[in-house]
C-alpha atoms as a PDB file:
ATOM      1  CA  MET A   1      25.354  12.211   8.252  1.00  0.00           C
ATOM      2  CA  SER A   2      23.145  11.024   5.458  1.00  0.00           C
ATOM      3  CA  PHE A   3      21.327  12.729   2.647  1.00  0.00           C
ATOM      4  CA  ASN A   4      19.246   9.769   1.590  1.00  0.00           C
ATOM      5  CA  VAL A   5      15.994  11.669   1.708  1.00  0.00           C
ATOM      6  CA  ILE A   6      12.764  10.902  -0.109  1.00  0.00           C
ATOM      7  CA  VAL A   7      10.641  13.963  -0.692  1.00  0.00           C
ATOM      8  CA  ARG A   8       6.957  13.718  -1.535  1.00  0.00           C
ATOM      9  CA  PRO A   9       4.498  16.336  -2.680  1.00  0.00           C
ATOM     10  CA  GLY A  10       2.691  18.005   0.214  1.00  0.00           C
ATOM     11  CA  ALA A  11      -0.719  16.381   0.553  1.00  0.00           C
ATOM     12  CA  GLU A  12      -2.090  19.226   2.671  1.00  0.00           C
ATOM     13  CA  THR A  13      -0.252  22.139   1.072  1.00  0.00           C
ATOM     14  CA  GLY A  14      -0.349  20.994  -2.544  1.00  0.00           C
ATOM     15  CA  ALA A  15       3.373  21.762  -2.854  1.00  0.00           C
ATOM     16  CA  THR A  16       5.347  19.728  -5.360  1.00  0.00           C
ATOM     17  CA  ALA A  17       8.175  17.483  -4.172  1.00  0.00           C
ATOM     18  CA  ARG A  18      10.634  20.054  -5.514  1.00  0.00           C
ATOM     19  CA  GLN A  19       8.914  22.839  -3.576  1.00  0.00           C
ATOM     20  CA  GLN A  20       8.966  20.701  -0.431  1.00  0.00           C
ATOM     21  CA  LEU A  21      12.699  20.050  -0.878  1.00  0.00           C
ATOM     22  CA  GLU A  22      13.470  23.714  -1.552  1.00  0.00           C
ATOM     23  CA  ALA A  23      11.534  24.762   1.551  1.00  0.00           C
ATOM     24  CA  TRP A  24      13.387  22.195   3.684  1.00  0.00           C
ATOM     25  CA  LEU A  25      16.770  23.305   2.358  1.00  0.00           C
ATOM     26  CA  ALA A  26      15.866  26.955   2.957  1.00  0.00           C
ATOM     27  CA  SER A  27      14.914  26.256   6.570  1.00  0.00           C
ATOM     28  CA  ALA A  28      17.763  23.830   7.347  1.00  0.00           C
ATOM     29  CA  GLY A  29      20.411  25.146   4.944  1.00  0.00           C
ATOM     30  CA  GLU A  30      22.472  27.005   7.514  1.00  0.00           C
ATOM     31  CA  GLN A  31      22.544  24.019   9.878  1.00  0.00           C
ATOM     32  CA  LEU A  32      23.427  21.628   7.027  1.00  0.00           C
ATOM     33  CA  SER A  33      26.207  23.923   5.771  1.00  0.00           C
ATOM     34  CA  SER A  34      27.635  24.142   9.288  1.00  0.00           C
ATOM     35  CA  ARG A  35      27.610  20.379   9.655  1.00  0.00           C
ATOM     36  CA  LEU A  36      29.251  19.882   6.260  1.00  0.00           C
ATOM     37  CA  GLU A  37      32.012  22.328   7.258  1.00  0.00           C
ATOM     38  CA  GLU A  38      32.620  20.238  10.393  1.00  0.00           C
ATOM     39  CA  LEU A  39      32.998  17.145   8.223  1.00  0.00           C
ATOM     40  CA  ALA A  40      35.361  18.745   5.695  1.00  0.00           C
ATOM     41  CA  GLY A  41      38.532  16.685   5.356  1.00  0.00           C
ATOM     42  CA  SER A  42      37.024  13.675   7.116  1.00  0.00           C
ATOM     43  CA  PRO A  43      37.139  10.353   5.313  1.00  0.00           C
ATOM     44  CA  GLU A  44      33.899   8.674   4.390  1.00  0.00           C
ATOM     45  CA  LEU A  45      33.793   5.030   5.355  1.00  0.00           C
ATOM     46  CA  ARG A  46      31.089   2.514   4.689  1.00  0.00           C
ATOM     47  CA  GLY A  47      31.025  -1.080   5.812  1.00  0.00           C
ATOM     48  CA  GLU A  48      28.590  -3.807   4.898  1.00  0.00           C
ATOM     49  CA  ILE A  49      28.172  -7.211   6.445  1.00  0.00           C
ATOM     50  CA  SER A  50      26.164  -9.956   4.842  1.00  0.00           C
ATOM     51  CA  LEU A  51      25.418 -13.530   5.742  1.00  0.00           C
ATOM     52  CA  ASP A  52      25.871 -16.354   3.293  1.00  0.00           C
ATOM     53  CA  ARG A  53      22.732 -18.189   4.350  1.00  0.00           C
ATOM     54  CA  SER A  54      23.499 -21.289   2.298  1.00  0.00           C
ATOM     55  CA  ALA A  55      26.881 -21.744   3.987  1.00  0.00           C
ATOM     56  CA  PHE A  56      25.347 -21.213   7.403  1.00  0.00           C
ATOM     57  CA  VAL A  57      22.584 -23.738   6.796  1.00  0.00           C
ATOM     58  CA  GLU A  58      25.004 -26.346   5.467  1.00  0.00           C
ATOM     59  CA  ASP A  59      27.147 -26.056   8.595  1.00  0.00           C
ATOM     60  CA  SER A  60      24.335 -26.063  11.154  1.00  0.00           C
ATOM     61  CA  SER A  61      23.160 -29.480  12.315  1.00  0.00           C
ATOM     62  CA  GLU A  62      20.326 -27.821  14.251  1.00  0.00           C
ATOM     63  CA  ILE A  63      18.981 -26.111  11.121  1.00  0.00           C
ATOM     64  CA  LYS A  64      19.349 -29.307   9.098  1.00  0.00           C
ATOM     65  CA  GLN A  65      17.307 -31.165  11.721  1.00  0.00           C
ATOM     66  CA  LEU A  66      14.600 -28.480  11.762  1.00  0.00           C
ATOM     67  CA  LYS A  67      14.360 -28.522   7.967  1.00  0.00           C
ATOM     68  CA  GLU A  68      13.976 -32.320   8.004  1.00  0.00           C
ATOM     69  CA  GLU A  69      11.237 -32.094  10.647  1.00  0.00           C
ATOM     70  CA  MET A  70       9.415 -29.377   8.696  1.00  0.00           C
ATOM     71  CA  ALA A  71       9.543 -31.419   5.488  1.00  0.00           C
ATOM     72  CA  ASP A  72       7.290 -34.036   7.110  1.00  0.00           C
ATOM     73  CA  ARG A  73       4.688 -31.487   8.229  1.00  0.00           C
ATOM     74  CA  PRO A  74       1.785 -30.219   6.138  1.00  0.00           C
ATOM     75  CA  ALA A  75       1.942 -26.769   4.594  1.00  0.00           C
ATOM     76  CA  CYS A  76       0.685 -23.915   6.747  1.00  0.00           C
ATOM     77  CA  GLY A  77      -2.638 -23.697   4.901  1.00  0.00           C
ATOM     78  CA  ALA A  78      -3.285 -27.388   5.548  1.00  0.00           C
ATOM     79  CA  TRP A  79      -3.326 -27.023   9.335  1.00  0.00           C
ATOM     80  CA  PRO A  80      -6.781 -27.261  10.916  1.00  0.00           C
ATOM     81  CA  GLN A  81      -8.329 -23.841  11.373  1.00  0.00           C
ATOM     82  CA  PRO A  82      -9.803 -22.887  14.735  1.00  0.00           C
ATOM     83  CA  HIS A  83     -13.569 -23.063  14.804  1.00  0.00           C
ATOM     84  CA  SER A  84     -15.473 -19.966  15.698  1.00  0.00           C
ATOM     85  CA  ALA A  85     -18.486 -20.072  17.962  1.00  0.00           C
ATOM     86  CA  PRO A  86     -21.792 -20.005  16.136  1.00  0.00           C
ATOM     87  CA  GLY A  87     -23.067 -16.507  15.935  1.00  0.00           C
END
């Protein structure tokens, strides 16, 4: 369950972000309270995994080879552009 919610003002209703949030909580409050009661006493766990790209690149012969091949090629903007038919 997550409460990472971004609330914006209502473009059509003219309601402020606060009013939008209050209306949402009023309509969903009972359901949210019920869910929170179900979670009471449960541990909260969060795991993150990240990739050390520099270590991966250093250990990959395939990536090293691709980087060497790309170094000899012109930058993307230097490639010939397709010609369009005269209009």
